[in-house]
Amino acid sequence: MFPDAFGTPSPGTDSGFGDRMAAIRFSEFSAGVHGRRIILGGEAVLTAGPPQFDLEAAGGLYDHITLQVFPAPNAAVIRNALPALNAAAFCDAIASTQHLDPADGRLNALTAQQRGAIAAVDRMGNIAPKVLHCEIVVDTVTFDKESKTDPAGLARHVYGAVRFLPRRYSSFQLIRGSADAPREAMLQQMTTLVNSWKDRQ
């Protein structure tokens, strides 16, 4: 369920690829220029496997697209070593700049150069994170944080809602980014959307 103002739904980025079971783009809400503002992300995404999060909300290692800088076998090693996040751990994770120690023994299959890149990828889109709002209701987290993509750049807001799911799926999420903070009503709309999803099987 989504507001009419979100526009027309269509397949989103990497929909059906890997553990990104489905992604839905909204014509008037997802990435683009809306109301003279540049919007990033804004796709509803259903995931399986260890949850990953759009727009580097928890750093690059937890982002399906950013993690593609590593060859697939190496990315799998990294994902298996990362702590699997749940609703209780999410707020702390998005406030952190390091989620995996490159010296972790589970990464021994990687070269020294590949292990060295882990910290840099972890910080992608997640420099100087500051969590402004993070609310947990049962298995759904609604959040707003500021972070930078460049140490000398301006902070951006990354915000949305993540619902952690049991069984064959792991999350249903809607994460968006913009230069300015989201309105409370928008965060509520995003939370309502992720809570409206039902597994029909």
Protein backbone atom coordinates (compact mmCIF):
# COMPACT_ATOMS: atom_id res chain seq x y z
CA MET A 1 0.00 0.00 0.00
CA PHE A 2 1.39 3.39 -0.98
CA PRO A 3 0.03 6.94 -1.33
CA ASP A 4 -1.20 8.08 -4.75
CA ALA A 5 1.36 10.90 -4.53
CA PHE A 6 4.15 8.33 -4.91
CA GLY A 7 3.09 7.89 -8.54
CA THR A 8 3.24 4.82 -10.74
CA PRO A 9 5.19 1.74 -9.60
CA SER A 10 7.65 -0.03 -11.91
CA PRO A 11 10.56 -2.48 -11.50
CA GLY A 12 13.42 -0.91 -9.54
CA THR A 13 17.20 -1.27 -9.48
CA ASP A 14 18.50 -4.86 -9.68
CA SER A 15 15.00 -6.22 -9.05
CA GLY A 16 15.26 -10.03 -8.80
CA PHE A 17 19.07 -10.02 -8.81
CA GLY A 18 20.86 -12.02 -6.12
CA ASP A 19 19.24 -11.59 -2.71
CA ARG A 20 17.37 -8.51 -3.90
CA MET A 21 14.17 -10.43 -4.45
CA ALA A 22 12.18 -7.46 -5.73
CA ALA A 23 12.63 -3.71 -6.04
CA ILE A 24 9.83 -1.26 -6.84
CA ARG A 25 10.44 2.24 -8.14
CA PHE A 26 7.82 5.01 -7.75
CA SER A 27 7.62 7.63 -10.51
CA GLU A 28 7.02 10.63 -8.21
CA PHE A 29 8.96 9.48 -5.15
CA SER A 30 12.06 7.53 -6.15
CA ALA A 31 15.39 8.90 -7.44
CA GLY A 32 15.08 12.00 -9.59
CA VAL A 33 14.17 15.66 -9.21
CA HIS A 34 10.93 16.19 -7.30
CA GLY A 35 9.77 19.61 -6.15
CA ARG A 36 13.12 21.07 -7.26
CA ARG A 37 14.95 18.70 -4.92
CA ILE A 38 17.37 15.97 -5.94
CA ILE A 39 16.16 12.67 -4.48
CA LEU A 40 18.22 9.50 -4.14
CA GLY A 41 16.95 5.95 -3.67
CA GLY A 42 13.32 5.75 -2.66
CA GLU A 43 12.69 2.21 -3.91
CA ALA A 44 10.79 -0.39 -1.93
CA VAL A 45 13.03 -3.46 -1.72
CA LEU A 46 12.38 -7.02 -0.55
CA THR A 47 15.54 -8.89 0.49
CA ALA A 48 16.51 -12.45 1.35
CA GLY A 49 19.65 -13.61 3.13
CA PRO A 50 21.52 -11.33 5.54
CA PRO A 51 19.80 -7.92 5.25
CA GLN A 52 21.46 -5.26 3.14
CA PHE A 53 20.40 -1.63 3.01
CA ASP A 54 20.13 0.89 0.19
CA LEU A 55 21.98 4.21 0.00
CA GLU A 56 24.79 2.92 2.21
CA ALA A 57 22.52 3.54 5.19
CA ALA A 58 24.75 1.26 7.28
CA GLY A 59 27.92 1.77 5.23
CA GLY A 60 29.05 0.30 1.93
CA LEU A 61 29.55 -3.26 3.13
CA TYR A 62 25.84 -3.56 3.89
CA ASP A 63 24.81 -2.05 0.54
CA HIS A 64 23.98 -4.52 -2.24
CA ILE A 65 25.17 -2.19 -5.01
CA THR A 66 28.31 -0.83 -3.33
CA LEU A 67 29.45 -4.34 -2.37
CA GLN A 68 29.66 -5.12 -6.09
CA VAL A 69 33.08 -3.39 -6.14
CA PHE A 70 34.33 -6.78 -4.91
CA PRO A 71 34.23 -9.89 -7.13
CA ALA A 72 31.22 -12.04 -6.23
CA PRO A 73 33.19 -14.74 -4.32
CA ASN A 74 34.95 -12.08 -2.21
CA ALA A 75 31.68 -10.24 -1.60
CA ALA A 76 30.18 -13.52 -0.33
CA VAL A 77 33.08 -13.95 2.13
CA ILE A 78 32.54 -10.40 3.41
CA ARG A 79 28.77 -10.82 3.75
CA ASN A 80 29.23 -14.05 5.69
CA ALA A 81 31.62 -12.29 8.10
CA LEU A 82 29.41 -9.23 8.67
CA PRO A 83 27.09 -9.33 11.67
CA ALA A 84 23.55 -9.99 10.43
CA LEU A 85 21.56 -6.97 11.53
CA ASN A 86 18.13 -7.08 13.12
CA ALA A 87 15.81 -4.38 14.43
CA ALA A 88 17.53 -4.23 17.82
CA ALA A 89 21.01 -3.74 16.29
CA PHE A 90 20.11 -1.43 13.41
CA CYS A 91 20.26 1.96 15.19
CA ASP A 92 23.75 1.29 16.54
CA ALA A 93 24.92 -0.03 13.18
CA ILE A 94 23.90 3.06 11.20
CA ALA A 95 25.74 5.25 13.73
CA SER A 96 29.00 3.32 13.28
CA THR A 97 31.73 3.81 10.67
CA GLN A 98 33.19 0.31 11.06
CA HIS A 99 31.19 -2.88 10.86
CA LEU A 100 33.90 -5.42 10.07
CA ASP A 101 37.53 -5.69 11.19
CA PRO A 102 39.78 -6.36 8.16
CA ALA A 103 41.90 -8.58 10.45
CA ASP A 104 38.92 -10.90 11.15
CA GLY A 105 40.07 -14.49 10.65
CA ARG A 106 37.06 -15.26 8.47
CA LEU A 107 38.59 -12.96 5.83
CA ASN A 108 41.85 -14.93 5.49
CA ALA A 109 40.82 -16.11 2.01
CA LEU A 110 41.14 -12.51 0.79
CA THR A 111 44.41 -10.91 -0.24
CA ALA A 112 46.00 -8.21 1.91
CA GLN A 113 44.94 -5.62 -0.68
CA GLN A 114 41.34 -6.83 -0.63
CA ARG A 115 41.26 -6.80 3.18
CA GLY A 116 42.72 -3.30 3.08
CA ALA A 117 39.84 -2.12 0.89
CA ILE A 118 37.22 -3.32 3.38
CA ALA A 119 37.51 -0.32 5.71
CA ALA A 120 37.28 2.14 2.79
CA VAL A 121 34.19 0.46 1.35
CA ASP A 122 32.63 0.32 4.82
CA ARG A 123 32.90 4.13 5.04
CA MET A 124 31.41 4.76 1.59
CA GLY A 125 28.45 7.10 1.98
CA ASN A 126 28.88 6.80 5.73
CA ILE A 127 31.46 9.39 6.75
CA ALA A 128 30.73 11.21 10.02
CA PRO A 129 27.33 9.56 10.57
CA LYS A 130 24.93 11.26 12.95
CA VAL A 131 21.66 9.51 13.80
CA LEU A 132 18.92 12.09 14.29
CA HIS A 133 15.99 9.71 14.74
CA CYS A 134 15.80 5.95 15.12
CA GLU A 135 12.61 4.36 16.44
CA ILE A 136 11.94 0.65 16.78
CA VAL A 137 8.38 -0.66 16.89
CA VAL A 138 8.32 -4.46 17.02
CA ASP A 139 10.38 -5.44 13.93
CA THR A 140 10.23 -2.12 12.05
CA VAL A 141 12.81 0.65 12.37
CA THR A 142 12.10 4.21 11.20
CA PHE A 143 15.18 6.40 10.98
CA ASP A 144 16.83 9.60 9.78
CA LYS A 145 20.57 10.11 9.78
CA GLU A 146 23.09 12.56 8.37
CA SER A 147 26.30 11.35 6.75
CA LYS A 148 28.78 12.41 4.10
CA THR A 149 30.07 10.79 0.96
CA ASP A 150 33.20 12.98 1.09
CA PRO A 151 34.94 14.32 4.22
CA ALA A 152 34.95 17.83 2.76
CA GLY A 153 31.43 17.60 1.36
CA LEU A 154 28.04 18.48 2.71
CA ALA A 155 26.05 16.04 4.81
CA ARG A 156 23.01 14.37 3.28
CA HIS A 157 20.00 12.87 4.98
CA VAL A 158 19.41 9.16 4.54
CA TYR A 159 16.06 8.12 5.96
CA GLY A 160 13.26 5.64 5.75
CA ALA A 161 11.86 2.47 7.24
CA VAL A 162 13.14 -1.10 7.42
CA ARG A 163 10.94 -4.00 8.45
CA PHE A 164 12.87 -7.12 9.43
CA LEU A 165 11.09 -10.27 8.29
CA PRO A 166 11.16 -13.88 9.47
CA ARG A 167 11.49 -17.04 7.40
CA ARG A 168 12.36 -16.94 3.70
CA TYR A 169 12.77 -13.17 3.42
CA SER A 170 14.90 -10.91 5.60
CA SER A 171 13.64 -7.34 5.13
CA PHE A 172 11.23 -5.05 3.34
CA GLN A 173 12.60 -1.54 3.22
CA LEU A 174 12.14 1.91 1.76
CA ILE A 175 15.21 4.14 2.06
CA ARG A 176 15.59 7.58 0.51
CA GLY A 177 18.17 10.35 0.50
CA SER A 178 18.08 14.13 0.08
CA ALA A 179 19.90 17.28 1.16
CA ASP A 180 17.24 18.21 3.68
CA ALA A 181 15.47 16.36 6.48
CA PRO A 182 12.27 14.44 5.78
CA ARG A 183 8.95 15.62 7.13
CA GLU A 184 7.50 13.52 9.92
CA ALA A 185 4.47 12.78 7.75
CA MET A 186 6.72 11.34 5.05
CA LEU A 187 8.52 9.07 7.49
CA GLN A 188 5.12 7.84 8.64
CA GLN A 189 4.09 7.13 5.03
CA MET A 190 7.27 5.16 4.47
CA THR A 191 6.74 3.19 7.67
CA THR A 192 3.13 2.44 6.74
CA LEU A 193 4.26 1.18 3.33
CA VAL A 194 6.84 -1.29 4.68
CA ASN A 195 4.38 -2.53 7.31
CA SER A 196 1.69 -3.11 4.65
CA TRP A 197 3.61 -5.88 2.86
CA LYS A 198 2.29 -9.41 3.33
CA ASP A 199 3.76 -12.71 2.19
CA ARG A 200 0.93 -14.43 0.30
CA GLN A 201 2.67 -17.80 0.10
